[in-house]
Amino acid sequence: APSPGLQDGVATVSQAIAGAKGIELEVSEYYTYLHPDPSTMPEPRLDPGVRVGSLSPVHLDLLNETWPYGG
């Protein structure tokens, strides 16, 4: 069945391309909700133990070793 919001065939072609690379791609439906006044929403806060940073080419080996989608 076609996925709402996608052009006909996009999901099928995407799954075929991913499958050729050995990756299983599952199509999921989702709904987008828009808040009438986003400025009234609280700022998101990360857990104090979470560090946000940038990746550089120096991180490539570590990323490939620890993230199953690397390489």
N, C-alpha and C. Protein backbone atom coordinates (compact mmCIF):
# COMPACT_ATOMS: atom_id res chain seq x y z
N ALA A 1 0.85 -1.19 0.00
CA ALA A 1 0.00 0.00 0.00
C ALA A 1 0.88 1.24 0.00
N PRO A 2 0.54 2.23 -0.78
CA PRO A 2 1.36 3.44 -0.81
C PRO A 2 1.32 4.16 0.53
N SER A 3 2.42 4.79 0.87
CA SER A 3 2.50 5.54 2.12
C SER A 3 1.98 6.95 1.90
N PRO A 4 1.14 7.43 2.83
CA PRO A 4 0.65 8.80 2.69
C PRO A 4 1.81 9.79 2.71
N GLY A 5 1.77 10.76 1.85
CA GLY A 5 2.80 11.80 1.84
C GLY A 5 3.98 11.51 0.94
N LEU A 6 4.08 10.30 0.41
CA LEU A 6 5.19 9.97 -0.50
C LEU A 6 4.65 9.84 -1.92
N GLN A 7 5.49 10.20 -2.87
CA GLN A 7 5.12 9.98 -4.26
C GLN A 7 5.04 8.47 -4.49
N ASP A 8 4.20 8.05 -5.41
CA ASP A 8 4.07 6.63 -5.72
C ASP A 8 5.43 6.01 -6.03
N GLY A 9 5.73 4.91 -5.38
CA GLY A 9 6.95 4.16 -5.67
C GLY A 9 8.17 4.56 -4.87
N VAL A 10 8.14 5.70 -4.17
CA VAL A 10 9.32 6.15 -3.44
C VAL A 10 9.70 5.15 -2.34
N ALA A 11 8.71 4.68 -1.59
CA ALA A 11 9.00 3.73 -0.51
C ALA A 11 9.58 2.45 -1.06
N THR A 12 9.01 1.93 -2.14
CA THR A 12 9.47 0.68 -2.74
C THR A 12 10.90 0.81 -3.27
N VAL A 13 11.18 1.89 -3.96
CA VAL A 13 12.52 2.12 -4.51
C VAL A 13 13.52 2.30 -3.37
N SER A 14 13.14 3.04 -2.33
CA SER A 14 14.04 3.25 -1.19
C SER A 14 14.37 1.93 -0.51
N GLN A 15 13.36 1.07 -0.35
CA GLN A 15 13.60 -0.24 0.25
C GLN A 15 14.51 -1.09 -0.62
N ALA A 16 14.35 -1.03 -1.92
CA ALA A 16 15.20 -1.80 -2.83
C ALA A 16 16.65 -1.33 -2.78
N ILE A 17 16.85 -0.03 -2.74
CA ILE A 17 18.22 0.53 -2.67
C ILE A 17 18.86 0.12 -1.35
N ALA A 18 18.12 0.27 -0.25
CA ALA A 18 18.66 -0.11 1.06
C ALA A 18 18.96 -1.60 1.09
N GLY A 19 18.05 -2.43 0.54
CA GLY A 19 18.26 -3.88 0.51
C GLY A 19 19.51 -4.26 -0.26
N ALA A 20 19.80 -3.55 -1.35
CA ALA A 20 21.00 -3.82 -2.13
C ALA A 20 22.27 -3.54 -1.32
N LYS A 21 22.15 -2.68 -0.31
CA LYS A 21 23.29 -2.37 0.55
C LYS A 21 23.26 -3.19 1.84
N GLY A 22 22.32 -4.15 1.93
CA GLY A 22 22.25 -5.02 3.09
C GLY A 22 21.56 -4.39 4.29
N ILE A 23 20.74 -3.37 4.04
CA ILE A 23 20.05 -2.68 5.12
C ILE A 23 18.54 -2.89 4.95
N GLU A 24 17.90 -3.31 6.03
CA GLU A 24 16.44 -3.47 5.97
C GLU A 24 15.80 -2.13 6.30
N LEU A 25 14.96 -1.66 5.42
CA LEU A 25 14.29 -0.37 5.60
C LEU A 25 12.81 -0.60 5.82
N GLU A 26 12.31 -0.13 6.94
CA GLU A 26 10.89 -0.27 7.25
C GLU A 26 10.25 1.10 7.14
N VAL A 27 9.15 1.17 6.41
CA VAL A 27 8.43 2.43 6.25
C VAL A 27 7.46 2.57 7.41
N SER A 28 7.50 3.72 8.07
CA SER A 28 6.62 3.99 9.21
C SER A 28 5.80 5.23 8.93
N GLU A 29 4.55 5.18 9.34
CA GLU A 29 3.71 6.37 9.22
C GLU A 29 3.90 7.24 10.46
N TYR A 30 3.79 8.52 10.29
CA TYR A 30 3.83 9.42 11.44
C TYR A 30 2.92 10.60 11.14
N TYR A 31 2.54 11.26 12.19
CA TYR A 31 1.67 12.42 12.06
C TYR A 31 2.39 13.64 12.61
N THR A 32 2.24 14.75 11.95
CA THR A 32 2.85 15.99 12.40
C THR A 32 1.77 16.86 13.03
N TYR A 33 2.06 17.32 14.23
CA TYR A 33 1.14 18.22 14.92
C TYR A 33 1.83 19.58 15.05
N LEU A 34 1.12 20.62 14.75
CA LEU A 34 1.67 21.97 14.85
C LEU A 34 1.01 22.70 15.99
N HIS A 35 1.83 23.32 16.83
CA HIS A 35 1.32 24.09 17.96
C HIS A 35 0.89 25.46 17.45
N PRO A 36 -0.26 25.95 17.91
CA PRO A 36 -0.73 27.24 17.39
C PRO A 36 0.18 28.42 17.76
N ASP A 37 0.93 28.31 18.85
CA ASP A 37 1.84 29.39 19.24
C ASP A 37 3.12 28.78 19.82
N PRO A 38 4.05 28.37 18.94
CA PRO A 38 5.27 27.71 19.40
C PRO A 38 6.10 28.54 20.39
N SER A 39 5.96 29.84 20.35
CA SER A 39 6.76 30.67 21.27
C SER A 39 6.37 30.44 22.73
N THR A 40 5.22 29.85 22.98
CA THR A 40 4.78 29.59 24.36
C THR A 40 5.28 28.24 24.88
N MET A 41 5.93 27.47 24.05
CA MET A 41 6.40 26.15 24.48
C MET A 41 7.71 26.28 25.25
N PRO A 42 7.92 25.42 26.26
CA PRO A 42 9.16 25.49 27.03
C PRO A 42 10.36 25.07 26.19
N GLU A 43 11.52 25.59 26.55
CA GLU A 43 12.76 25.21 25.87
C GLU A 43 13.10 23.77 26.24
N PRO A 44 13.50 22.96 25.25
CA PRO A 44 13.91 21.59 25.58
C PRO A 44 15.21 21.60 26.38
N ARG A 45 15.34 20.69 27.33
CA ARG A 45 16.55 20.59 28.14
C ARG A 45 17.11 19.18 28.06
N LEU A 46 18.39 19.10 27.79
CA LEU A 46 19.06 17.80 27.75
C LEU A 46 19.46 17.39 29.15
N ASP A 47 19.56 16.09 29.35
CA ASP A 47 20.09 15.56 30.60
C ASP A 47 21.50 16.13 30.79
N PRO A 48 21.87 16.52 32.01
CA PRO A 48 23.20 17.11 32.23
C PRO A 48 24.37 16.22 31.78
N GLY A 49 24.15 14.91 31.72
CA GLY A 49 25.22 14.00 31.30
C GLY A 49 25.41 13.92 29.79
N VAL A 50 24.53 14.54 29.03
CA VAL A 50 24.62 14.49 27.56
C VAL A 50 25.52 15.61 27.07
N ARG A 51 26.49 15.23 26.23
CA ARG A 51 27.37 16.23 25.63
C ARG A 51 27.03 16.35 24.15
N VAL A 52 26.90 17.56 23.67
CA VAL A 52 26.63 17.81 22.27
C VAL A 52 27.89 18.41 21.65
N GLY A 53 28.29 17.90 20.52
CA GLY A 53 29.49 18.40 19.88
C GLY A 53 29.43 18.13 18.38
N SER A 54 30.53 18.36 17.74
CA SER A 54 30.62 18.16 16.30
C SER A 54 31.53 16.97 16.01
N LEU A 55 31.27 16.32 14.89
CA LEU A 55 32.14 15.25 14.43
C LEU A 55 33.12 15.81 13.40
N SER A 56 34.26 15.20 13.36
CA SER A 56 35.24 15.56 12.34
C SER A 56 35.78 14.26 11.76
N PRO A 57 36.55 14.33 10.70
CA PRO A 57 37.12 13.10 10.11
C PRO A 57 37.93 12.27 11.11
N VAL A 58 38.43 12.89 12.16
CA VAL A 58 39.22 12.17 13.17
C VAL A 58 38.34 11.13 13.87
N HIS A 59 37.04 11.35 13.91
CA HIS A 59 36.11 10.46 14.62
C HIS A 59 35.64 9.29 13.76
N LEU A 60 36.05 9.23 12.50
CA LEU A 60 35.53 8.24 11.56
C LEU A 60 35.70 6.81 12.04
N ASP A 61 36.90 6.42 12.47
CA ASP A 61 37.13 5.04 12.91
C ASP A 61 36.27 4.69 14.12
N LEU A 62 36.19 5.59 15.09
CA LEU A 62 35.39 5.34 16.27
C LEU A 62 33.91 5.19 15.90
N LEU A 63 33.43 6.04 15.02
CA LEU A 63 32.04 5.97 14.59
C LEU A 63 31.76 4.65 13.88
N ASN A 64 32.64 4.25 12.99
CA ASN A 64 32.45 2.99 12.27
C ASN A 64 32.50 1.78 13.19
N GLU A 65 33.29 1.85 14.26
CA GLU A 65 33.41 0.73 15.20
C GLU A 65 32.21 0.63 16.14
N THR A 66 31.57 1.76 16.45
CA THR A 66 30.55 1.74 17.49
C THR A 66 29.14 1.93 16.97
N TRP A 67 28.96 2.47 15.79
CA TRP A 67 27.61 2.72 15.27
C TRP A 67 27.34 1.68 14.19
N PRO A 68 26.28 0.89 14.30
CA PRO A 68 26.04 -0.20 13.36
C PRO A 68 25.81 0.25 11.92
N TYR A 69 25.56 1.54 11.69
CA TYR A 69 25.28 2.01 10.34
C TYR A 69 26.49 2.65 9.67
N GLY A 70 27.63 2.65 10.32
CA GLY A 70 28.84 3.26 9.76
C GLY A 70 29.45 2.41 8.68
N GLY A 71 30.48 2.95 8.03
CA GLY A 71 31.26 2.20 7.08
C GLY A 71 30.70 2.20 5.74
